[in-house]
Each structure stands twice: as structure tokens, then as C-alpha cells.
Amino acid sequence: MIGFFVGASGGGEGTMYLFLIPAYWFIWAQGAKRCHDRGNSGWYQLIPFYGLWILFGDGDEFENEYGPDPKGRNINR
């Protein structure tokens, strides 16, 4: 999508790569948040096919070392 907009505006290939840096940063940051929700380090997203595990798996129900459950399921503990 970024390549489409850069190409339509007449920007060069270097401009496209400049816009990809924040896009990749956002994707990795969201992946690290999801890994933390499952109680793992953010580096786990580098494991092949681990993305499927964090996509379809449920997070920890109660507080883990990275913080409380974002769904709020730790109220009655």
C-alpha cells in the first residue's frame, strides 16, 4: 500500500523505503505487545510460525511479569 501511494505521487524508491521504516516499527511493536500479553518476550516473534500462535492463542488470564491482563479478566483474583 505504501508503494502504491509513493508511486502514484511520483516519489522514488528511496522515499518508499523511508516510509517503510515506521510501518515495520509499528508492526514489531504490536507484535511485542501481543507476545507480552501471552507472557513471553517480544523476541519470540522472530520464531518461525510463532505469529500464528499469537494470532489465534488467548493471552494470560491474570497478571504476568509484563503487566495485567488487557481484557480485565484479573478482577476476581
C-alpha atoms as a PDB file:
ATOM      1  CA  MET A   1       0.000   0.000   0.000  1.00  0.00           C
ATOM      2  CA  ILE A   2       2.861   2.348   0.808  1.00  0.00           C
ATOM      3  CA  GLY A   3       4.433   1.541  -2.558  1.00  0.00           C
ATOM      4  CA  PHE A   4       1.185   2.409  -4.319  1.00  0.00           C
ATOM      5  CA  PHE A   5       0.932   5.840  -2.712  1.00  0.00           C
ATOM      6  CA  VAL A   6       4.594   6.660  -3.238  1.00  0.00           C
ATOM      7  CA  GLY A   7       4.416   5.504  -6.863  1.00  0.00           C
ATOM      8  CA  ALA A   8       1.231   7.467  -7.520  1.00  0.00           C
ATOM      9  CA  SER A   9       2.777  10.639  -6.115  1.00  0.00           C
ATOM     10  CA  GLY A  10       5.889  10.273  -8.272  1.00  0.00           C
ATOM     11  CA  GLY A  11       8.272   9.517  -5.402  1.00  0.00           C
ATOM     12  CA  GLY A  12      11.335   7.378  -5.874  1.00  0.00           C
ATOM     13  CA  GLU A  13      12.282   4.035  -4.421  1.00  0.00           C
ATOM     14  CA  GLY A  14      14.238   5.696  -1.601  1.00  0.00           C
ATOM     15  CA  THR A  15      11.098   7.517  -0.495  1.00  0.00           C
ATOM     16  CA  MET A  16       9.231   4.227  -0.292  1.00  0.00           C
ATOM     17  CA  TYR A  17      11.901   2.722   1.954  1.00  0.00           C
ATOM     18  CA  LEU A  18      11.789   5.808   4.150  1.00  0.00           C
ATOM     19  CA  PHE A  19       8.064   5.254   4.726  1.00  0.00           C
ATOM     20  CA  LEU A  20       8.556   1.550   5.400  1.00  0.00           C
ATOM     21  CA  ILE A  21      10.688   2.187   8.500  1.00  0.00           C
ATOM     22  CA  PRO A  22       7.790   3.470  10.679  1.00  0.00           C
ATOM     23  CA  ALA A  23       5.492   0.782   9.239  1.00  0.00           C
ATOM     24  CA  TYR A  24       7.847  -2.005  10.291  1.00  0.00           C
ATOM     25  CA  TRP A  25       8.396  -0.344  13.676  1.00  0.00           C
ATOM     26  CA  PHE A  26       4.630  -0.332  14.266  1.00  0.00           C
ATOM     27  CA  ILE A  27       4.259  -3.997  13.257  1.00  0.00           C
ATOM     28  CA  TRP A  28       7.107  -5.111  15.531  1.00  0.00           C
ATOM     29  CA  ALA A  29       5.834  -3.020  18.447  1.00  0.00           C
ATOM     30  CA  GLN A  30       2.344  -4.516  18.169  1.00  0.00           C
ATOM     31  CA  GLY A  31       3.849  -7.997  17.923  1.00  0.00           C
ATOM     32  CA  ALA A  32       5.890  -7.383  21.069  1.00  0.00           C
ATOM     33  CA  LYS A  33       2.762  -6.219  22.909  1.00  0.00           C
ATOM     34  CA  ARG A  34       0.974  -9.389  21.863  1.00  0.00           C
ATOM     35  CA  CYS A  35       3.923 -11.533  22.984  1.00  0.00           C
ATOM     36  CA  HIS A  36       3.841  -9.782  26.352  1.00  0.00           C
ATOM     37  CA  ASP A  37       0.098 -10.465  26.585  1.00  0.00           C
ATOM     38  CA  ARG A  38       0.942 -14.158  26.246  1.00  0.00           C
ATOM     39  CA  GLY A  39       3.670 -13.879  28.918  1.00  0.00           C
ATOM     40  CA  ASN A  40       6.635 -14.140  26.537  1.00  0.00           C
ATOM     41  CA  SER A  41       9.444 -11.852  25.495  1.00  0.00           C
ATOM     42  CA  GLY A  42       8.962  -9.747  22.379  1.00  0.00           C
ATOM     43  CA  TRP A  43      11.865 -11.602  20.763  1.00  0.00           C
ATOM     44  CA  TYR A  44       9.617 -14.652  20.436  1.00  0.00           C
ATOM     45  CA  GLN A  45       8.053 -13.106  17.332  1.00  0.00           C
ATOM     46  CA  LEU A  46      11.262 -13.960  15.468  1.00  0.00           C
ATOM     47  CA  ILE A  47      10.478 -17.686  15.812  1.00  0.00           C
ATOM     48  CA  PRO A  48       9.049 -19.046  12.540  1.00  0.00           C
ATOM     49  CA  PHE A  49       5.259 -19.552  12.641  1.00  0.00           C
ATOM     50  CA  TYR A  50       5.016 -18.043  16.148  1.00  0.00           C
ATOM     51  CA  GLY A  51       2.866 -15.322  14.596  1.00  0.00           C
ATOM     52  CA  LEU A  52       0.109 -17.891  14.110  1.00  0.00           C
ATOM     53  CA  TRP A  53       0.353 -18.855  17.764  1.00  0.00           C
ATOM     54  CA  ILE A  54      -0.045 -15.280  18.975  1.00  0.00           C
ATOM     55  CA  LEU A  55      -2.747 -14.592  16.394  1.00  0.00           C
ATOM     56  CA  PHE A  56      -5.053 -17.434  17.417  1.00  0.00           C
ATOM     57  CA  GLY A  57      -3.999 -18.030  21.035  1.00  0.00           C
ATOM     58  CA  ASP A  58      -5.551 -16.361  24.044  1.00  0.00           C
ATOM     59  CA  GLY A  59      -3.473 -14.230  26.404  1.00  0.00           C
ATOM     60  CA  ASP A  60      -2.741 -14.937  30.043  1.00  0.00           C
ATOM     61  CA  GLU A  61      -5.860 -14.599  32.196  1.00  0.00           C
ATOM     62  CA  PHE A  62      -4.186 -12.961  35.157  1.00  0.00           C
ATOM     63  CA  GLU A  63      -1.288 -10.590  35.652  1.00  0.00           C
ATOM     64  CA  ASN A  64       2.065 -11.777  34.348  1.00  0.00           C
ATOM     65  CA  GLU A  65       5.547 -10.270  34.585  1.00  0.00           C
ATOM     66  CA  TYR A  66       4.687  -7.773  31.820  1.00  0.00           C
ATOM     67  CA  GLY A  67       1.561  -6.360  33.450  1.00  0.00           C
ATOM     68  CA  PRO A  68      -2.148  -7.019  33.975  1.00  0.00           C
ATOM     69  CA  ASP A  69      -4.492  -8.723  31.526  1.00  0.00           C
ATOM     70  CA  PRO A  70      -5.649  -6.118  28.986  1.00  0.00           C
ATOM     71  CA  LYS A  71      -9.084  -7.752  28.855  1.00  0.00           C
ATOM     72  CA  GLY A  72      -9.579  -7.149  32.578  1.00  0.00           C
ATOM     73  CA  ARG A  73     -10.118 -10.797  33.488  1.00  0.00           C
ATOM     74  CA  ASN A  74      -7.993 -10.495  36.646  1.00  0.00           C
ATOM     75  CA  ILE A  75     -10.555  -8.663  38.775  1.00  0.00           C
ATOM     76  CA  ASN A  76     -11.750 -11.652  40.868  1.00  0.00           C
ATOM     77  CA  ARG A  77      -8.337 -12.987  41.763  1.00  0.00           C
END
